C-alpha atoms as a PDB file:
ATOM      1  CA  MET A   1      25.974  30.144-128.680  1.00  0.00           C
ATOM      2  CA  SER A   2      29.819  31.644-127.873  1.00  0.00           C
ATOM      3  CA  MET A   3      31.287  31.760-124.574  1.00  0.00           C
ATOM      4  CA  MET A   4      31.225  35.783-124.935  1.00  0.00           C
ATOM      5  CA  GLN A   5      27.188  35.726-125.617  1.00  0.00           C
ATOM      6  CA  ARG A   6      26.429  32.992-122.634  1.00  0.00           C
ATOM      7  CA  LEU A   7      28.359  35.669-119.926  1.00  0.00           C
ATOM      8  CA  SER A   8      26.494  38.587-121.905  1.00  0.00           C
ATOM      9  CA  ARG A   9      23.366  36.755-120.688  1.00  0.00           C
ATOM     10  CA  HIS A  10      24.372  34.882-117.182  1.00  0.00           C
ATOM     11  CA  SER A  11      25.272  38.714-116.778  1.00  0.00           C
ATOM     12  CA  ALA A  12      22.563  40.179-117.284  1.00  0.00           C
ATOM     13  CA  LEU A  13      20.374  37.503-115.741  1.00  0.00           C
ATOM     14  CA  MET A  14      22.209  38.137-112.866  1.00  0.00           C
ATOM     15  CA  ARG A  15      21.844  41.966-112.984  1.00  0.00           C
ATOM     16  CA  ARG A  16      17.823  41.551-113.627  1.00  0.00           C
ATOM     17  CA  MET A  17      18.422  39.079-110.269  1.00  0.00           C
ATOM     18  CA  ALA A  18      19.607  41.629-107.741  1.00  0.00           C
ATOM     19  CA  GLU A  19      17.323  43.869-109.434  1.00  0.00           C
ATOM     20  CA  THR A  20      13.849  41.753-108.691  1.00  0.00           C
ATOM     21  CA  VAL A  21      15.272  41.126-105.117  1.00  0.00           C
ATOM     22  CA  GLN A  22      16.340  44.763-104.235  1.00  0.00           C
ATOM     23  CA  ALA A  23      20.209  43.426-104.264  1.00  0.00           C
ATOM     24  CA  ASP A  24      22.284  46.372-104.763  1.00  0.00           C
ATOM     25  CA  VAL A  25      25.547  45.371-106.203  1.00  0.00           C
ATOM     26  CA  GLY A  26      26.762  48.305-107.333  1.00  0.00           C
ATOM     27  CA  GLU A  27      26.793  50.029-103.961  1.00  0.00           C
ATOM     28  CA  GLY A  28      28.650  46.896-102.258  1.00  0.00           C
ATOM     29  CA  LEU A  29      31.356  47.280-104.819  1.00  0.00           C
ATOM     30  CA  VAL A  30      31.679  51.069-103.755  1.00  0.00           C
ATOM     31  CA  GLN A  31      31.190  50.361-100.149  1.00  0.00           C
ATOM     32  CA  GLY A  32      33.355  46.889-100.651  1.00  0.00           C
ATOM     33  CA  ARG A  33      31.787  44.113 -99.325  1.00  0.00           C
ATOM     34  CA  LEU A  34      32.029  42.805-102.571  1.00  0.00           C
ATOM     35  CA  THR A  35      34.635  42.727-104.838  1.00  0.00           C
ATOM     36  CA  GLY A  36      35.520  42.744-108.757  1.00  0.00           C
ATOM     37  CA  GLU A  37      36.681  38.821-108.367  1.00  0.00           C
ATOM     38  CA  GLU A  38      33.724  37.796-106.342  1.00  0.00           C
ATOM     39  CA  LEU A  39      31.205  39.724-109.100  1.00  0.00           C
ATOM     40  CA  ARG A  40      33.311  37.913-111.822  1.00  0.00           C
ATOM     41  CA  GLY A  41      32.813  34.586-109.839  1.00  0.00           C
ATOM     42  CA  ALA A  42      29.171  35.130-108.954  1.00  0.00           C
ATOM     43  CA  VAL A  43      28.477  35.912-112.770  1.00  0.00           C
ATOM     44  CA  LEU A  44      30.574  32.564-114.351  1.00  0.00           C
ATOM     45  CA  GLY A  45      29.183  30.543-111.354  1.00  0.00           C
ATOM     46  CA  CYS A  46      25.965  32.060-113.136  1.00  0.00           C
ATOM     47  CA  THR A  47      26.796  30.592-116.172  1.00  0.00           C
ATOM     48  CA  THR A  48      26.049  27.098-114.630  1.00  0.00           C
ATOM     49  CA  CYS A  49      22.306  27.754-114.125  1.00  0.00           C
ATOM     50  CA  ASP A  50      19.895  26.805-116.860  1.00  0.00           C
ATOM     51  CA  ALA A  51      18.328  30.358-117.549  1.00  0.00           C
ATOM     52  CA  GLU A  52      15.853  29.346-119.214  1.00  0.00           C
ATOM     53  CA  THR A  53      13.962  28.543-115.160  1.00  0.00           C
ATOM     54  CA  CYS A  54      15.706  31.646-114.168  1.00  0.00           C
ATOM     55  CA  GLU A  55      14.054  33.631-117.437  1.00  0.00           C
ATOM     56  CA  ALA A  56      10.628  31.835-115.788  1.00  0.00           C
ATOM     57  CA  TRP A  57      11.365  32.651-112.208  1.00  0.00           C
ATOM     58  CA  LEU A  58      11.613  36.303-112.368  1.00  0.00           C
ATOM     59  CA  ASP A  59       8.649  36.845-114.891  1.00  0.00           C
ATOM     60  CA  THR A  60       6.827  35.713-112.101  1.00  0.00           C
ATOM     61  CA  HIS A  61       7.948  36.766-109.140  1.00  0.00           C
ATOM     62  CA  PRO A  62       7.586  40.385-110.022  1.00  0.00           C
ATOM     63  CA  ASP A  63       8.467  41.258-106.736  1.00  0.00           C
ATOM     64  CA  PRO A  64       9.618  38.211-104.334  1.00  0.00           C
ATOM     65  CA  PRO A  65      11.511  38.724-100.938  1.00  0.00           C
ATOM     66  CA  GLU A  66      14.463  36.907-101.437  1.00  0.00           C
ATOM     67  CA  PRO A  67      16.099  34.914-104.439  1.00  0.00           C
ATOM     68  CA  PRO A  68      14.807  31.655-105.359  1.00  0.00           C
ATOM     69  CA  ALA A  69      16.538  28.535-103.415  1.00  0.00           C
ATOM     70  CA  PHE A  70      17.991  27.507-106.742  1.00  0.00           C
ATOM     71  CA  CYS A  71      19.857  30.589-107.160  1.00  0.00           C
ATOM     72  CA  ARG A  72      23.931  29.647-107.246  1.00  0.00           C
ATOM     73  CA  ASN A  73      24.256  33.381-106.229  1.00  0.00           C
ATOM     74  CA  ARG A  74      21.604  33.424-103.319  1.00  0.00           C
ATOM     75  CA  ASP A  75      23.630  33.989-100.360  1.00  0.00           C
ATOM     76  CA  LEU A  76      25.778  36.902-102.022  1.00  0.00           C
ATOM     77  CA  LEU A  77      22.465  38.365-102.993  1.00  0.00           C
ATOM     78  CA  MET A  78      21.235  37.791 -99.815  1.00  0.00           C
ATOM     79  CA  ARG A  79      24.286  39.972 -98.583  1.00  0.00           C
ATOM     80  CA  LEU A  80      23.669  42.884-100.350  1.00  0.00           C
ATOM     81  CA  ARG A  81      20.286  43.510-100.138  1.00  0.00           C
ATOM     82  CA  VAL A  82      19.430  47.012 -99.422  1.00  0.00           C
END
């Protein structure tokens, strides 16, 4: 898998995780609670995680109260919850 494909896959996973736990990344950017640099760092951090584990967790947790403990972006997503 190319680096661009990996970034695309993990960007989509991060977006899906944010939506699943009701973290509003876009609003965080607008309100200044999240910078573009933090978002880029979060996506890059996500690439170090096992995508299959994340996808399986998302598939089996349609309405969780928070991200799983293994999520590298857990603290960020908790901060951006609406």
